[in-house]
């Protein structure tokens, strides 16, 4: 890619970003868009003031940008939780790290790269003149790159250690601040055996924990396969109504028309009675009713209906304890000599529970996990086709040489442009077309393809048997990150090298190995355009929410005309934001020494990322469980940078620099292992010390009994929740309040 293509990409992305942000600043001032841009304060009944109708409401302004940077971490922590703060800290990490790397790269490495070889027309038209590939083979200036590699690596490890330490402290504080949450008193128990005496699992839970945890055990709640409740009620209503309607249709006109009218009234009354009956059945579907006796004939009838539903008891229960210390001890110890029985772990908070997966037997969970891995692998393999096509666009000049139909496509574009522009701009149009095709189009097409990948991976993760939605998102984060690493990063290198390999093999077959190695740095220009598209256009569209604007316009002009608007409040999409931002960090780290000109674009990318904090809401808070995975992604990036530089130093005939980089690689791996020992256990479970300290705080304030008494009532299975026939029809707000 030449400098004209890069400038075309910069111009297009900056132009699109400015237009999008102008539109956002105008649309945000319109009261009709309050449900889209102010859903969080409206959901909390906070009033929103808009400027009076005047020309001022249609003048773009960017006052919201500095306002976003004035939000403190404590405000984000209090409003959205630690998980949302971690996303903000990820952007801050990128800003801090790449600001220093940019200073080193632009002031030290870029002049060395640019002046590495004598000036030539070909090199100066290409972006390779700004990369390490422009440095002479065997030059002693490569030792400057070696020292910068050590500095950047050690600085990155220092920032990672500092972030890990600070987030761990915030995690402990957040757990203390949220010590009233029921999940700190509750343990999820799976693979509960059937009691031999009573042929039920509920009494077995009570006997087991009363015996082995006599001082801390409080109560339990069994889970049921309650799908047949709605099926039975719906089938009963359907059969009765269909019978009466057939009877009404079979009657003739005349005297029997009055009977038909009576049947219609019976249908209406029967449906109302059955709805009321269904509501009362759900109210009485509790442990107290099943273990106790019915109080009257009506409850006895409901109990019969409950038995007819054939509700099966699942081998899963939520067990609450009288202290956090007791819950932590039960969750972190093996309860039985058979490790496949009485499996315990800390329960997720009620809004985080994935109820559908609790019915999956623990023994067959590996089958679900293997199936998800295979499905993700197949998707990754098939995605190689569009990535290769994107690189074909990026290598447009070589594509015309080896694929003649591409020349016909270029001719058609030239003809269309020449027919609309004056003849004196003919040459400019051709140059501009090539610049747009090779500079902007590849990254835009790739961005469009990978947009659907996180949602597909989340759908797969939901089938993996995780007990909580947060674990599903963490699995999706891992799958999306490695998908992007394999397809967007490695496959872009391989496919870009493949097209060059064809031409080099024909002209200079002996130089093929060295040429292939040199192409590692030649893809820097493509990743520059990718960062530009992802950062400038991508984050700008994230703020604008064009999909919601179009959907709201359609609704307000059709079936929701005149109705009160629903709030478009969605949960923060960790599964999409974290891996995509981590990939950008990986690209920046790998190319920090190779192509330092890329780094300033990354700083702009991370600054724009701050704007997303007002777009989404948080549904649950895992108190920072996402950070160990982010730490792992960044470690992978640093190791890739070091391995790449070992190869490049060897290619540049500096074996001493390659050998001297190996200790740095080993140091990075040792640092990662130390962090696993030092920090990771505190993120996987709650320490007994912190649990005991939080118990002491509750005992001093007199809140202990109240907290563990209400804990078990918070875990209400959806099929046992009383039916509500006055719910809003809104499906847009549903993801925040659904139990599934």
Foldseek 3Di string as FASTA:
>chain_A
DFPLLQVLLLVVLQVLLVVLQQVLQLVCLDPLCCLFQPVVCVVVVHDDDHDPDDVVSNGGDDPVQVVLVPDDLVNCCVAFNLVLSVLLVLLVLLLVLLVVLLVCCVPPQQVCLLPQDDDDPVLNRALSSRFNLSHFFPDPSVVSLLVSLLVSLVVNLVVLVVVLVVLLVLLLVRCLVVVLFLLLFKKKWFAQDADPPPRHRQVSVVVQCCVVVVAWFDHKFFDKPQPLLVVVLVVVLVVLLVVLVVVLVPDDDDPCPVVNVVSVVVNVVVVVVSLVLSLVLLQQPGPCNVVDDDPDPSSVVSVVVVVVSVIGTHRMMMTGTLFSLSLQVLQPDQRDPPSQHGHMHRAAGQLFFPVVLSRDHPVCLVVLQVVLVVVLVVVLVVVLVVLLVLLCQLPLVLVCVVPVVSVVVLVVQLVVVPVVDPPVCSVVSSVSVSSCRNNAVSLVSVVVVLPCQLVVSLVSLSSSSDGTSVVSLLSLLVSSLVSCCVRVPVSNLVSNLVSVLVVCCVVPVVCNVLSSLSSNLSCLSVVLSNLSCCQSVVLSCLSSVVVVVVVSVVCCVPDCPPHDDHRLAAADRCSPSLSVSLVNLLSCLLCSSGRSVSSVSSSSRSSSVSSNSSRHHHQGYLSPLNSLVSSVSNLVSSLNSLVSVLSVCVSSVNNVSNVVSVVVNVVSVVSNVVCCVVRVVVSRGPDSVSRVVSRVVCVVVVCSVVSSVCSNVSNDDPSSPRDDPPDDPDPSCVVNPDSD
